[in-house]
Amino acid sequence: MNIEKTKILIADDHPIFLKGLQEVIEDAGNLEVIHKSDNGTDAIKAALAKELDIAVLDIDMPGANGLQVAEQILDKKPGVSIILLTMHKAKDTFLKALEIGVSGYVLKENAVIDIISAISAVNRYESYISPEMSSFLLKSKNRNRTDTASQLELLTPSEKKIVEKLAQYKSTKEIAEELFVSEKTVSNHRMNIAKKLELSGKNSLLRFAIEHMNF
């Protein structure tokens, strides 16, 4: 019985890194790199022409950067999951990636370790952030209060706890384990919270939690 492989496009303008990334991905099994690009323009063209499940994109590329490539792909093929690779720990870039609808955010220094975990997560329709990126964002978190207190009052204590966990970059699975509930329960809470806060779009709740929750 043949198991259909996850089809992946990878794009990076450093040929040695690109080759290494392909080897790491394909060594994992059931993953197939169907195209390699060394610039953003080619990545867009290939992604729109080929059938693929995931695009792994370096943020800094000639032709079009990873954010621009992601926007183009998601505009035409919203079902494709995007994982961004970056050298830089920058909150603004990270939040922009969430706004676009990027599913994974991986630091290049940890790509060999993190990329398979990222691919597994987005294949489960979850978000993935490199642990070191999560740690950096938590340390640099803006603690200025906003007018979100009234919005949070709409939530039950359980729902607030979910939002707090999301702001700590916890996955649905991790939240379920920490709160001793099922993943389905956490997913239902997330849908209800988004509805109460009138949030729509991919990653909108995660972005809200990151920007507005304080500890």
C-alpha atoms as a PDB file:
ATOM      1  CA  MET A   1       0.000   0.000   0.000  1.00  0.00           C
ATOM      2  CA  ASN A   2       1.479   3.304  -1.118  1.00  0.00           C
ATOM      3  CA  ILE A   3       1.096   6.223   1.258  1.00  0.00           C
ATOM      4  CA  GLU A   4       0.778   9.512  -0.585  1.00  0.00           C
ATOM      5  CA  LYS A   5       3.695  11.765   0.187  1.00  0.00           C
ATOM      6  CA  THR A   6       3.375  15.363   1.340  1.00  0.00           C
ATOM      7  CA  LYS A   7       4.475  17.539  -1.578  1.00  0.00           C
ATOM      8  CA  ILE A   8       6.798  20.365  -0.551  1.00  0.00           C
ATOM      9  CA  LEU A   9       8.361  23.338  -2.322  1.00  0.00           C
ATOM     10  CA  ILE A  10      11.477  24.839  -0.762  1.00  0.00           C
ATOM     11  CA  ALA A  11      13.024  28.217  -1.558  1.00  0.00           C
ATOM     12  CA  ASP A  12      16.304  29.745  -0.386  1.00  0.00           C
ATOM     13  CA  ASP A  13      19.015  31.640  -2.231  1.00  0.00           C
ATOM     14  CA  HIS A  14      21.864  29.748  -0.536  1.00  0.00           C
ATOM     15  CA  PRO A  15      22.447  26.548  -2.574  1.00  0.00           C
ATOM     16  CA  ILE A  16      24.250  24.615   0.170  1.00  0.00           C
ATOM     17  CA  PHE A  17      21.493  25.352   2.707  1.00  0.00           C
ATOM     18  CA  LEU A  18      18.840  24.487   0.094  1.00  0.00           C
ATOM     19  CA  LYS A  19      20.461  21.124  -0.644  1.00  0.00           C
ATOM     20  CA  GLY A  20      20.822  20.343   3.064  1.00  0.00           C
ATOM     21  CA  LEU A  21      17.209  21.292   3.723  1.00  0.00           C
ATOM     22  CA  GLN A  22      16.026  18.953   0.971  1.00  0.00           C
ATOM     23  CA  GLU A  23      18.062  16.076   2.418  1.00  0.00           C
ATOM     24  CA  VAL A  24      16.701  16.615   5.937  1.00  0.00           C
ATOM     25  CA  ILE A  25      13.108  16.753   4.667  1.00  0.00           C
ATOM     26  CA  GLU A  26      13.307  13.719   2.383  1.00  0.00           C
ATOM     27  CA  ASP A  27      15.163  11.626   4.976  1.00  0.00           C
ATOM     28  CA  ALA A  28      12.103  11.936   7.208  1.00  0.00           C
ATOM     29  CA  GLY A  29       9.988   9.713   4.945  1.00  0.00           C
ATOM     30  CA  ASN A  30       6.593  10.408   3.357  1.00  0.00           C
ATOM     31  CA  LEU A  31       7.825  13.887   2.430  1.00  0.00           C
ATOM     32  CA  GLU A  32       8.787  14.828  -1.110  1.00  0.00           C
ATOM     33  CA  VAL A  33      10.485  18.014  -2.272  1.00  0.00           C
ATOM     34  CA  ILE A  34       8.868  18.615  -5.661  1.00  0.00           C
ATOM     35  CA  HIS A  35      10.661  21.877  -6.445  1.00  0.00           C
ATOM     36  CA  LYS A  36      13.617  23.959  -5.286  1.00  0.00           C
ATOM     37  CA  SER A  37      13.809  27.706  -5.930  1.00  0.00           C
ATOM     38  CA  ASP A  38      16.721  30.066  -5.365  1.00  0.00           C
ATOM     39  CA  ASN A  39      14.616  33.218  -5.680  1.00  0.00           C
ATOM     40  CA  GLY A  40      11.148  34.448  -4.838  1.00  0.00           C
ATOM     41  CA  THR A  41       9.993  34.986  -8.417  1.00  0.00           C
ATOM     42  CA  ASP A  42      10.629  31.360  -9.357  1.00  0.00           C
ATOM     43  CA  ALA A  43       9.045  30.176  -6.111  1.00  0.00           C
ATOM     44  CA  ILE A  44       5.791  31.987  -6.924  1.00  0.00           C
ATOM     45  CA  LYS A  45       5.738  30.657 -10.489  1.00  0.00           C
ATOM     46  CA  ALA A  46       6.417  27.075  -9.402  1.00  0.00           C
ATOM     47  CA  ALA A  47       3.971  27.142  -6.492  1.00  0.00           C
ATOM     48  CA  LEU A  48       1.134  28.332  -8.697  1.00  0.00           C
ATOM     49  CA  ALA A  49       1.935  25.821 -11.466  1.00  0.00           C
ATOM     50  CA  LYS A  50       2.449  22.695  -9.368  1.00  0.00           C
ATOM     51  CA  GLU A  51       0.355  20.706  -6.937  1.00  0.00           C
ATOM     52  CA  LEU A  52       1.825  21.097  -3.474  1.00  0.00           C
ATOM     53  CA  ASP A  53       0.873  20.881   0.180  1.00  0.00           C
ATOM     54  CA  ILE A  54       3.544  22.997   1.864  1.00  0.00           C
ATOM     55  CA  ALA A  55       5.913  25.788   0.820  1.00  0.00           C
ATOM     56  CA  VAL A  56       9.034  26.365   2.940  1.00  0.00           C
ATOM     57  CA  LEU A  57      10.304  29.866   2.178  1.00  0.00           C
ATOM     58  CA  ASP A  58      13.303  31.896   3.262  1.00  0.00           C
ATOM     59  CA  ILE A  59      12.231  35.419   4.183  1.00  0.00           C
ATOM     60  CA  ASP A  60      15.296  37.063   2.590  1.00  0.00           C
ATOM     61  CA  MET A  61      15.372  36.169  -1.107  1.00  0.00           C
ATOM     62  CA  PRO A  62      15.998  38.083  -4.344  1.00  0.00           C
ATOM     63  CA  GLY A  63      13.083  38.658  -6.705  1.00  0.00           C
ATOM     64  CA  ALA A  64      10.449  38.582  -3.976  1.00  0.00           C
ATOM     65  CA  ASN A  65      10.942  38.041  -0.264  1.00  0.00           C
ATOM     66  CA  GLY A  66       9.321  35.191   1.636  1.00  0.00           C
ATOM     67  CA  LEU A  67       6.451  37.309   2.927  1.00  0.00           C
ATOM     68  CA  GLN A  68       5.622  38.476  -0.601  1.00  0.00           C
ATOM     69  CA  VAL A  69       5.831  34.937  -1.949  1.00  0.00           C
ATOM     70  CA  ALA A  70       3.588  33.702   0.871  1.00  0.00           C
ATOM     71  CA  GLU A  71       0.976  36.356   0.097  1.00  0.00           C
ATOM     72  CA  GLN A  72       0.938  35.428  -3.591  1.00  0.00           C
ATOM     73  CA  ILE A  73       0.615  31.711  -2.896  1.00  0.00           C
ATOM     74  CA  LEU A  74      -2.081  32.047  -0.222  1.00  0.00           C
ATOM     75  CA  ASP A  75      -4.076  34.444  -2.400  1.00  0.00           C
ATOM     76  CA  LYS A  76      -4.304  31.854  -5.184  1.00  0.00           C
ATOM     77  CA  LYS A  77      -3.964  28.631  -3.174  1.00  0.00           C
ATOM     78  CA  PRO A  78      -5.209  29.197   0.397  1.00  0.00           C
ATOM     79  CA  GLY A  79      -5.021  25.471   1.113  1.00  0.00           C
ATOM     80  CA  VAL A  80      -1.220  25.477   0.914  1.00  0.00           C
ATOM     81  CA  SER A  81       0.544  25.707   4.281  1.00  0.00           C
ATOM     82  CA  ILE A  82       3.451  28.160   4.480  1.00  0.00           C
ATOM     83  CA  ILE A  83       6.521  27.771   6.679  1.00  0.00           C
ATOM     84  CA  LEU A  84       8.875  30.752   6.785  1.00  0.00           C
ATOM     85  CA  LEU A  85      12.596  30.507   7.494  1.00  0.00           C
ATOM     86  CA  THR A  86      14.396  33.490   8.955  1.00  0.00           C
ATOM     87  CA  MET A  87      17.793  34.509  10.311  1.00  0.00           C
ATOM     88  CA  HIS A  88      16.234  37.329  12.313  1.00  0.00           C
ATOM     89  CA  LYS A  89      14.282  37.442  15.573  1.00  0.00           C
ATOM     90  CA  ALA A  90      11.941  40.329  14.747  1.00  0.00           C
ATOM     91  CA  LYS A  91       8.490  40.663  16.309  1.00  0.00           C
ATOM     92  CA  ASP A  92       7.081  42.947  13.575  1.00  0.00           C
ATOM     93  CA  THR A  93       8.024  40.476  10.849  1.00  0.00           C
ATOM     94  CA  PHE A  94       6.567  37.626  12.863  1.00  0.00           C
ATOM     95  CA  LEU A  95       3.249  39.432  13.379  1.00  0.00           C
ATOM     96  CA  LYS A  96       3.125  40.286   9.669  1.00  0.00           C
ATOM     97  CA  ALA A  97       3.607  36.605   8.884  1.00  0.00           C
ATOM     98  CA  LEU A  98       0.679  35.705  11.170  1.00  0.00           C
ATOM     99  CA  GLU A  99      -1.464  38.354   9.496  1.00  0.00           C
ATOM    100  CA  ILE A 100      -0.747  36.893   6.064  1.00  0.00           C
ATOM    101  CA  GLY A 101      -1.707  33.413   7.260  1.00  0.00           C
ATOM    102  CA  VAL A 102       1.674  31.735   7.598  1.00  0.00           C
ATOM    103  CA  SER A 103       1.471  28.453   9.521  1.00  0.00           C
ATOM    104  CA  GLY A 104       5.089  27.959  10.587  1.00  0.00           C
ATOM    105  CA  TYR A 105       7.949  30.239  11.610  1.00  0.00           C
ATOM    106  CA  VAL A 106      11.379  28.637  11.907  1.00  0.00           C
ATOM    107  CA  LEU A 107      14.746  30.176  12.764  1.00  0.00           C
ATOM    108  CA  LYS A 108      17.323  29.129  10.191  1.00  0.00           C
ATOM    109  CA  GLU A 109      19.899  28.451  12.897  1.00  0.00           C
ATOM    110  CA  ASN A 110      17.594  25.695  14.156  1.00  0.00           C
ATOM    111  CA  ALA A 111      16.101  24.633  10.826  1.00  0.00           C
ATOM    112  CA  VAL A 112      17.708  21.185  10.733  1.00  0.00           C
ATOM    113  CA  ILE A 113      16.198  20.410  14.151  1.00  0.00           C
ATOM    114  CA  ASP A 114      12.877  22.223  13.790  1.00  0.00           C
ATOM    115  CA  ILE A 115      11.788  21.790  10.173  1.00  0.00           C
ATOM    116  CA  ILE A 116      10.337  18.267  10.505  1.00  0.00           C
ATOM    117  CA  SER A 117       8.412  19.276  13.640  1.00  0.00           C
ATOM    118  CA  ALA A 118       7.115  22.313  11.754  1.00  0.00           C
ATOM    119  CA  ILE A 119       5.996  20.213   8.789  1.00  0.00           C
ATOM    120  CA  SER A 120       4.279  17.712  11.098  1.00  0.00           C
ATOM    121  CA  ALA A 121       2.459  20.528  12.905  1.00  0.00           C
ATOM    122  CA  VAL A 122       1.162  22.268   9.782  1.00  0.00           C
ATOM    123  CA  ASN A 123       0.091  18.898   8.371  1.00  0.00           C
ATOM    124  CA  ARG A 124      -2.161  18.698  11.456  1.00  0.00           C
ATOM    125  CA  TYR A 125      -3.432  22.220  10.641  1.00  0.00           C
ATOM    126  CA  GLU A 126      -1.614  23.655  13.652  1.00  0.00           C
ATOM    127  CA  SER A 127       0.817  26.554  13.878  1.00  0.00           C
ATOM    128  CA  TYR A 128       4.501  26.046  14.645  1.00  0.00           C
ATOM    129  CA  ILE A 129       7.039  28.498  16.032  1.00  0.00           C
ATOM    130  CA  SER A 130      10.665  27.626  16.734  1.00  0.00           C
ATOM    131  CA  PRO A 131      11.062  27.320  20.525  1.00  0.00           C
ATOM    132  CA  GLU A 132      13.906  29.850  20.537  1.00  0.00           C
ATOM    133  CA  MET A 133      11.712  32.312  18.631  1.00  0.00           C
ATOM    134  CA  SER A 134       8.921  31.779  21.171  1.00  0.00           C
ATOM    135  CA  SER A 135      11.351  32.428  24.015  1.00  0.00           C
ATOM    136  CA  PHE A 136      12.603  35.619  22.377  1.00  0.00           C
ATOM    137  CA  LEU A 137       9.074  36.916  21.785  1.00  0.00           C
ATOM    138  CA  LEU A 138       8.045  36.207  25.361  1.00  0.00           C
ATOM    139  CA  LYS A 139      11.056  38.094  26.712  1.00  0.00           C
ATOM    140  CA  SER A 140      10.443  41.086  24.440  1.00  0.00           C
ATOM    141  CA  LYS A 141       6.680  41.108  24.967  1.00  0.00           C
ATOM    142  CA  ASN A 142       5.101  44.539  24.970  1.00  0.00           C
ATOM    143  CA  ARG A 143       3.473  44.920  28.345  1.00  0.00           C
ATOM    144  CA  ASN A 144       1.579  48.148  27.633  1.00  0.00           C
ATOM    145  CA  ARG A 145      -2.098  47.796  28.498  1.00  0.00           C
ATOM    146  CA  THR A 146      -4.625  48.339  25.747  1.00  0.00           C
ATOM    147  CA  ASP A 147      -8.390  48.691  25.814  1.00  0.00           C
ATOM    148  CA  THR A 148      -8.886  44.934  25.490  1.00  0.00           C
ATOM    149  CA  ALA A 149     -10.013  44.473  29.109  1.00  0.00           C
ATOM    150  CA  SER A 150     -13.664  44.831  28.123  1.00  0.00           C
ATOM    151  CA  GLN A 151     -13.217  42.241  25.367  1.00  0.00           C
ATOM    152  CA  LEU A 152     -11.646  39.765  27.769  1.00  0.00           C
ATOM    153  CA  GLU A 153     -14.588  40.218  30.144  1.00  0.00           C
ATOM    154  CA  LEU A 154     -16.689  38.454  27.508  1.00  0.00           C
ATOM    155  CA  LEU A 155     -14.726  35.269  28.105  1.00  0.00           C
ATOM    156  CA  THR A 156     -15.218  32.589  30.731  1.00  0.00           C
ATOM    157  CA  PRO A 157     -12.296  31.727  33.062  1.00  0.00           C
ATOM    158  CA  SER A 158     -11.598  28.614  30.985  1.00  0.00           C
ATOM    159  CA  GLU A 159     -11.540  30.628  27.786  1.00  0.00           C
ATOM    160  CA  LYS A 160      -9.197  33.214  29.311  1.00  0.00           C
ATOM    161  CA  LYS A 161      -6.867  30.391  30.311  1.00  0.00           C
ATOM    162  CA  ILE A 162      -6.817  29.199  26.688  1.00  0.00           C
ATOM    163  CA  VAL A 163      -5.920  32.694  25.468  1.00  0.00           C
ATOM    164  CA  GLU A 164      -3.151  32.943  28.056  1.00  0.00           C
ATOM    165  CA  LYS A 165      -1.703  29.637  26.856  1.00  0.00           C
ATOM    166  CA  LEU A 166      -1.886  30.778  23.233  1.00  0.00           C
ATOM    167  CA  ALA A 167       0.022  33.940  24.185  1.00  0.00           C
ATOM    168  CA  GLN A 168       2.740  31.629  25.516  1.00  0.00           C
ATOM    169  CA  TYR A 169       2.935  30.053  22.031  1.00  0.00           C
ATOM    170  CA  LYS A 170       1.419  26.772  23.162  1.00  0.00           C
ATOM    171  CA  SER A 171      -0.078  24.443  20.570  1.00  0.00           C
ATOM    172  CA  THR A 172      -3.575  22.969  20.857  1.00  0.00           C
ATOM    173  CA  LYS A 173      -2.006  19.653  21.883  1.00  0.00           C
ATOM    174  CA  GLU A 174       0.156  21.287  24.570  1.00  0.00           C
ATOM    175  CA  ILE A 175      -2.793  23.273  25.939  1.00  0.00           C
ATOM    176  CA  ALA A 176      -4.942  20.142  26.102  1.00  0.00           C
ATOM    177  CA  GLU A 177      -2.238  18.280  28.006  1.00  0.00           C
ATOM    178  CA  GLU A 178      -1.652  21.126  30.471  1.00  0.00           C
ATOM    179  CA  LEU A 179      -5.351  21.659  31.165  1.00  0.00           C
ATOM    180  CA  PHE A 180      -6.185  17.912  31.218  1.00  0.00           C
ATOM    181  CA  VAL A 181      -8.827  18.201  28.499  1.00  0.00           C
ATOM    182  CA  SER A 182      -9.116  16.824  24.982  1.00  0.00           C
ATOM    183  CA  GLU A 183      -7.713  18.581  21.911  1.00  0.00           C
ATOM    184  CA  LYS A 184     -11.294  18.765  20.591  1.00  0.00           C
ATOM    185  CA  THR A 185     -12.331  20.694  23.721  1.00  0.00           C
ATOM    186  CA  VAL A 186      -9.507  23.176  23.202  1.00  0.00           C
ATOM    187  CA  SER A 187     -10.422  23.560  19.510  1.00  0.00           C
ATOM    188  CA  ASN A 188     -14.069  24.215  20.435  1.00  0.00           C
ATOM    189  CA  HIS A 189     -12.994  26.816  22.999  1.00  0.00           C
ATOM    190  CA  ARG A 190     -10.831  28.514  20.371  1.00  0.00           C
ATOM    191  CA  MET A 191     -13.745  28.742  17.949  1.00  0.00           C
ATOM    192  CA  ASN A 192     -16.037  30.155  20.638  1.00  0.00           C
ATOM    193  CA  ILE A 193     -13.422  32.697  21.744  1.00  0.00           C
ATOM    194  CA  ALA A 194     -12.850  33.897  18.184  1.00  0.00           C
ATOM    195  CA  LYS A 195     -16.604  34.289  17.735  1.00  0.00           C
ATOM    196  CA  LYS A 196     -16.996  36.268  20.984  1.00  0.00           C
ATOM    197  CA  LEU A 197     -14.066  38.561  20.120  1.00  0.00           C
ATOM    198  CA  GLU A 198     -15.308  38.914  16.525  1.00  0.00           C
ATOM    199  CA  LEU A 199     -12.018  37.643  15.143  1.00  0.00           C
ATOM    200  CA  SER A 200     -11.817  36.118  11.692  1.00  0.00           C
ATOM    201  CA  GLY A 201      -9.085  34.807   9.478  1.00  0.00           C
ATOM    202  CA  LYS A 202      -6.253  32.372   9.970  1.00  0.00           C
ATOM    203  CA  ASN A 203      -4.136  33.063  13.060  1.00  0.00           C
ATOM    204  CA  SER A 204      -6.374  35.967  14.170  1.00  0.00           C
ATOM    205  CA  LEU A 205      -6.841  34.538  17.674  1.00  0.00           C
ATOM    206  CA  LEU A 206      -3.143  33.731  18.040  1.00  0.00           C
ATOM    207  CA  ARG A 207      -2.252  37.253  16.955  1.00  0.00           C
ATOM    208  CA  PHE A 208      -4.763  38.741  19.419  1.00  0.00           C
ATOM    209  CA  ALA A 209      -3.319  36.683  22.259  1.00  0.00           C
ATOM    210  CA  ILE A 210       0.264  37.608  21.452  1.00  0.00           C
ATOM    211  CA  GLU A 211      -0.451  41.330  21.144  1.00  0.00           C
ATOM    212  CA  HIS A 212      -2.804  41.779  24.077  1.00  0.00           C
ATOM    213  CA  MET A 213      -2.194  39.267  26.838  1.00  0.00           C
ATOM    214  CA  ASN A 214       0.071  40.406  29.678  1.00  0.00           C
ATOM    215  CA  PHE A 215       1.633  38.411  32.470  1.00  0.00           C
END
